[in-house]
Amino acid sequence: MSNFMKTAIAIIVLAVVLVIGYRMMNPEDATVGDAVDSMMEDAGDAADAVGEAASDAMGAAEEAAEDAMDAAEEAADDAGDAAEEAYDDMTGDEEEAVE
């Protein structure tokens, strides 16, 4: 599990604990049942947000990997072209020296 996911889960758990604590300490705001309902709703919203963030992160990682592969292919092509050009230059010089 990535550090991002661990951090996100820790933040969600902390938020849920804080909401429950606040609701329990201020009973005039809500009953325990309302607090639990609210907590469950908040936890669901937080889980959805974490899932969306993880999905976005995976998409970004995929794009970065594809870009890296494209760059590596281009670099390999450029290196091959440069090597071929250097070889042609070297063999061309030898042919001129022989003549």
N, C-alpha and C. Protein backbone atom coordinates (compact mmCIF):
# COMPACT_ATOMS: atom_id res chain seq x y z
N MET A 1 0.86 -1.17 0.00
CA MET A 1 0.00 0.00 0.00
C MET A 1 0.91 1.23 0.00
N SER A 2 0.60 2.16 -0.84
CA SER A 2 1.45 3.34 -0.97
C SER A 2 1.30 4.27 0.23
N ASN A 3 2.28 5.11 0.38
CA ASN A 3 2.24 6.08 1.48
C ASN A 3 1.05 7.01 1.33
N PHE A 4 0.68 7.33 0.09
CA PHE A 4 -0.47 8.19 -0.15
C PHE A 4 -1.74 7.56 0.40
N MET A 5 -1.93 6.28 0.12
CA MET A 5 -3.13 5.59 0.60
C MET A 5 -3.13 5.49 2.12
N LYS A 6 -1.97 5.19 2.72
CA LYS A 6 -1.89 5.11 4.17
C LYS A 6 -2.23 6.45 4.81
N THR A 7 -1.70 7.52 4.24
CA THR A 7 -1.97 8.86 4.76
C THR A 7 -3.44 9.20 4.61
N ALA A 8 -4.02 8.88 3.46
CA ALA A 8 -5.43 9.18 3.23
C ALA A 8 -6.32 8.43 4.22
N ILE A 9 -6.02 7.18 4.45
CA ILE A 9 -6.81 6.38 5.40
C ILE A 9 -6.66 6.94 6.81
N ALA A 10 -5.45 7.33 7.18
CA ALA A 10 -5.23 7.90 8.51
C ALA A 10 -6.01 9.20 8.68
N ILE A 11 -6.05 10.02 7.64
CA ILE A 11 -6.81 11.27 7.71
C ILE A 11 -8.30 10.99 7.85
N ILE A 12 -8.80 10.01 7.12
CA ILE A 12 -10.22 9.65 7.20
C ILE A 12 -10.57 9.18 8.62
N VAL A 13 -9.74 8.29 9.15
CA VAL A 13 -10.00 7.77 10.50
C VAL A 13 -9.96 8.91 11.52
N LEU A 14 -8.98 9.79 11.39
CA LEU A 14 -8.88 10.92 12.31
C LEU A 14 -10.11 11.82 12.20
N ALA A 15 -10.56 12.08 10.98
CA ALA A 15 -11.74 12.93 10.79
C ALA A 15 -12.98 12.28 11.41
N VAL A 16 -13.13 10.99 11.23
CA VAL A 16 -14.28 10.29 11.80
C VAL A 16 -14.24 10.36 13.33
N VAL A 17 -13.07 10.14 13.91
CA VAL A 17 -12.94 10.20 15.37
C VAL A 17 -13.26 11.61 15.87
N LEU A 18 -12.76 12.61 15.17
CA LEU A 18 -13.03 13.99 15.59
C LEU A 18 -14.51 14.33 15.48
N VAL A 19 -15.16 13.88 14.43
CA VAL A 19 -16.60 14.15 14.27
C VAL A 19 -17.38 13.47 15.39
N ILE A 20 -17.06 12.22 15.67
CA ILE A 20 -17.76 11.51 16.74
C ILE A 20 -17.51 12.21 18.08
N GLY A 21 -16.27 12.57 18.34
CA GLY A 21 -15.94 13.25 19.58
C GLY A 21 -16.68 14.57 19.72
N TYR A 22 -16.72 15.33 18.65
CA TYR A 22 -17.42 16.62 18.69
C TYR A 22 -18.91 16.40 18.96
N ARG A 23 -19.48 15.46 18.23
CA ARG A 23 -20.92 15.20 18.41
C ARG A 23 -21.23 14.69 19.81
N MET A 24 -20.34 13.89 20.37
CA MET A 24 -20.57 13.36 21.71
C MET A 24 -20.43 14.45 22.77
N MET A 25 -19.49 15.37 22.54
CA MET A 25 -19.25 16.44 23.51
C MET A 25 -20.31 17.55 23.43
N ASN A 26 -21.03 17.63 22.34
CA ASN A 26 -22.06 18.65 22.14
C ASN A 26 -23.39 17.97 21.85
N PRO A 27 -24.00 17.38 22.86
CA PRO A 27 -25.23 16.61 22.63
C PRO A 27 -26.40 17.49 22.18
N GLU A 28 -26.35 18.80 22.43
CA GLU A 28 -27.45 19.64 21.99
C GLU A 28 -27.48 19.76 20.46
N ASP A 29 -26.34 19.51 19.84
CA ASP A 29 -26.29 19.59 18.37
C ASP A 29 -26.95 18.38 17.73
N ALA A 30 -26.80 17.23 18.33
CA ALA A 30 -27.35 16.02 17.72
C ALA A 30 -27.38 14.90 18.75
N THR A 31 -28.15 13.91 18.46
CA THR A 31 -28.17 12.73 19.30
C THR A 31 -27.06 11.79 18.86
N VAL A 32 -26.81 10.76 19.64
CA VAL A 32 -25.77 9.79 19.28
C VAL A 32 -26.12 9.12 17.95
N GLY A 33 -27.38 8.81 17.76
CA GLY A 33 -27.80 8.17 16.50
C GLY A 33 -27.54 9.08 15.31
N ASP A 34 -27.84 10.38 15.48
CA ASP A 34 -27.55 11.32 14.40
C ASP A 34 -26.06 11.44 14.15
N ALA A 35 -25.30 11.40 15.23
CA ALA A 35 -23.84 11.48 15.09
C ALA A 35 -23.30 10.28 14.33
N VAL A 36 -23.81 9.11 14.66
CA VAL A 36 -23.35 7.90 13.97
C VAL A 36 -23.78 7.95 12.50
N ASP A 37 -25.00 8.37 12.23
CA ASP A 37 -25.46 8.50 10.85
C ASP A 37 -24.60 9.48 10.08
N SER A 38 -24.35 10.61 10.70
CA SER A 38 -23.51 11.63 10.06
C SER A 38 -22.10 11.11 9.84
N MET A 39 -21.58 10.39 10.83
CA MET A 39 -20.24 9.83 10.71
C MET A 39 -20.16 8.84 9.55
N MET A 40 -21.16 8.00 9.45
CA MET A 40 -21.17 7.02 8.37
C MET A 40 -21.24 7.72 7.00
N GLU A 41 -22.05 8.74 6.92
CA GLU A 41 -22.16 9.49 5.67
C GLU A 41 -20.83 10.18 5.35
N ASP A 42 -20.23 10.79 6.36
CA ASP A 42 -18.94 11.46 6.16
C ASP A 42 -17.85 10.45 5.78
N ALA A 43 -17.88 9.29 6.42
CA ALA A 43 -16.89 8.26 6.09
C ALA A 43 -17.08 7.77 4.66
N GLY A 44 -18.33 7.63 4.24
CA GLY A 44 -18.59 7.23 2.86
C GLY A 44 -18.11 8.27 1.87
N ASP A 45 -18.37 9.54 2.18
CA ASP A 45 -17.89 10.62 1.31
C ASP A 45 -16.36 10.64 1.25
N ALA A 46 -15.74 10.45 2.41
CA ALA A 46 -14.28 10.43 2.45
C ALA A 46 -13.72 9.24 1.67
N ALA A 47 -14.35 8.10 1.79
CA ALA A 47 -13.89 6.92 1.05
C ALA A 47 -14.03 7.15 -0.45
N ASP A 48 -15.12 7.77 -0.86
CA ASP A 48 -15.30 8.09 -2.28
C ASP A 48 -14.20 9.03 -2.76
N ALA A 49 -13.89 10.02 -1.93
CA ALA A 49 -12.84 10.98 -2.30
C ALA A 49 -11.49 10.30 -2.41
N VAL A 50 -11.20 9.39 -1.47
CA VAL A 50 -9.93 8.66 -1.52
C VAL A 50 -9.88 7.77 -2.76
N GLY A 51 -10.99 7.11 -3.06
CA GLY A 51 -11.03 6.27 -4.26
C GLY A 51 -10.81 7.08 -5.52
N GLU A 52 -11.42 8.24 -5.59
CA GLU A 52 -11.25 9.10 -6.76
C GLU A 52 -9.81 9.61 -6.85
N ALA A 53 -9.24 9.99 -5.71
CA ALA A 53 -7.85 10.45 -5.70
C ALA A 53 -6.90 9.34 -6.12
N ALA A 54 -7.16 8.13 -5.63
CA ALA A 54 -6.31 6.99 -6.00
C ALA A 54 -6.44 6.69 -7.49
N SER A 55 -7.65 6.79 -8.01
CA SER A 55 -7.87 6.57 -9.44
C SER A 55 -7.13 7.62 -10.27
N ASP A 56 -7.22 8.87 -9.83
CA ASP A 56 -6.51 9.94 -10.53
C ASP A 56 -5.00 9.72 -10.47
N ALA A 57 -4.52 9.29 -9.32
CA ALA A 57 -3.08 9.03 -9.17
C ALA A 57 -2.64 7.88 -10.07
N MET A 58 -3.45 6.85 -10.15
CA MET A 58 -3.12 5.72 -11.04
C MET A 58 -3.09 6.17 -12.49
N GLY A 59 -4.07 6.99 -12.87
CA GLY A 59 -4.10 7.49 -14.25
C GLY A 59 -2.88 8.34 -14.55
N ALA A 60 -2.50 9.18 -13.61
CA ALA A 60 -1.31 10.01 -13.81
C ALA A 60 -0.05 9.16 -13.89
N ALA A 61 0.01 8.11 -13.07
CA ALA A 61 1.17 7.22 -13.10
C ALA A 61 1.25 6.48 -14.44
N GLU A 62 0.10 6.05 -14.95
CA GLU A 62 0.07 5.38 -16.26
C GLU A 62 0.56 6.32 -17.35
N GLU A 63 0.06 7.56 -17.34
CA GLU A 63 0.48 8.53 -18.34
C GLU A 63 1.98 8.80 -18.24
N ALA A 64 2.49 8.93 -17.01
CA ALA A 64 3.91 9.17 -16.83
C ALA A 64 4.74 7.99 -17.34
N ALA A 65 4.27 6.77 -17.09
CA ALA A 65 4.98 5.59 -17.57
C ALA A 65 4.98 5.54 -19.10
N GLU A 66 3.85 5.86 -19.71
CA GLU A 66 3.77 5.88 -21.17
C GLU A 66 4.70 6.95 -21.75
N ASP A 67 4.71 8.13 -21.12
CA ASP A 67 5.60 9.19 -21.58
C ASP A 67 7.05 8.78 -21.44
N ALA A 68 7.38 8.11 -20.33
CA ALA A 68 8.75 7.65 -20.13
C ALA A 68 9.14 6.62 -21.18
N MET A 69 8.21 5.71 -21.51
CA MET A 69 8.50 4.71 -22.54
C MET A 69 8.72 5.37 -23.89
N ASP A 70 7.87 6.34 -24.22
CA ASP A 70 8.03 7.06 -25.49
C ASP A 70 9.38 7.78 -25.54
N ALA A 71 9.74 8.42 -24.43
CA ALA A 71 11.01 9.14 -24.38
C ALA A 71 12.19 8.17 -24.50
N ALA A 72 12.08 7.00 -23.87
CA ALA A 72 13.15 6.00 -23.95
C ALA A 72 13.29 5.47 -25.38
N GLU A 73 12.15 5.25 -26.05
CA GLU A 73 12.20 4.78 -27.43
C GLU A 73 12.84 5.83 -28.33
N GLU A 74 12.45 7.08 -28.13
CA GLU A 74 13.04 8.15 -28.94
C GLU A 74 14.54 8.27 -28.67
N ALA A 75 14.94 8.15 -27.40
CA ALA A 75 16.36 8.22 -27.06
C ALA A 75 17.12 7.06 -27.70
N ALA A 76 16.54 5.88 -27.67
CA ALA A 76 17.19 4.72 -28.28
C ALA A 76 17.33 4.91 -29.79
N ASP A 77 16.27 5.43 -30.42
CA ASP A 77 16.34 5.70 -31.86
C ASP A 77 17.41 6.73 -32.17
N ASP A 78 17.44 7.80 -31.36
CA ASP A 78 18.45 8.85 -31.57
C ASP A 78 19.85 8.30 -31.36
N ALA A 79 20.04 7.46 -30.34
CA ALA A 79 21.35 6.87 -30.08
C ALA A 79 21.76 5.95 -31.23
N GLY A 80 20.80 5.18 -31.75
CA GLY A 80 21.10 4.31 -32.89
C GLY A 80 21.48 5.11 -34.11
N ASP A 81 20.74 6.19 -34.36
CA ASP A 81 21.06 7.05 -35.51
C ASP A 81 22.43 7.68 -35.34
N ALA A 82 22.74 8.14 -34.14
CA ALA A 82 24.04 8.76 -33.88
C ALA A 82 25.16 7.74 -34.05
N ALA A 83 24.95 6.52 -33.57
CA ALA A 83 25.97 5.48 -33.72
C ALA A 83 26.18 5.13 -35.18
N GLU A 84 25.08 5.03 -35.91
CA GLU A 84 25.19 4.72 -37.34
C GLU A 84 25.91 5.84 -38.08
N GLU A 85 25.61 7.08 -37.73
CA GLU A 85 26.26 8.22 -38.36
C GLU A 85 27.75 8.24 -38.02
N ALA A 86 28.08 7.94 -36.77
CA ALA A 86 29.48 7.89 -36.36
C ALA A 86 30.21 6.78 -37.10
N TYR A 87 29.56 5.64 -37.23
CA TYR A 87 30.17 4.52 -37.96
C TYR A 87 30.40 4.89 -39.42
N ASP A 88 29.39 5.52 -40.02
CA ASP A 88 29.54 5.95 -41.41
C ASP A 88 30.69 6.95 -41.55
N ASP A 89 30.79 7.86 -40.60
CA ASP A 89 31.88 8.84 -40.64
C ASP A 89 33.23 8.14 -40.50
N MET A 90 33.31 7.16 -39.61
CA MET A 90 34.58 6.45 -39.39
C MET A 90 34.95 5.62 -40.61
N THR A 91 34.01 4.89 -41.18
CA THR A 91 34.32 4.04 -42.33
C THR A 91 34.54 4.89 -43.57
N GLY A 92 33.89 6.01 -43.66
CA GLY A 92 34.09 6.92 -44.79
C GLY A 92 35.48 7.50 -44.77
N ASP A 93 35.98 7.85 -43.58
CA ASP A 93 37.33 8.40 -43.46
C ASP A 93 38.37 7.37 -43.84
N GLU A 94 38.15 6.11 -43.46
CA GLU A 94 39.10 5.05 -43.79
C GLU A 94 39.14 4.82 -45.30
N GLU A 95 37.97 4.85 -45.94
CA GLU A 95 37.92 4.64 -47.38
C GLU A 95 38.65 5.76 -48.10
N GLU A 96 38.49 6.99 -47.62
CA GLU A 96 39.20 8.12 -48.23
C GLU A 96 40.70 7.99 -48.02
N ALA A 97 41.13 7.50 -46.85
CA ALA A 97 42.55 7.34 -46.56
C ALA A 97 43.17 6.25 -47.43
N VAL A 98 42.42 5.22 -47.75
CA VAL A 98 42.91 4.12 -48.58
C VAL A 98 43.08 4.59 -50.01
N GLU A 99 42.18 5.43 -50.47
CA GLU A 99 42.26 5.89 -51.87
C GLU A 99 43.37 6.85 -52.00
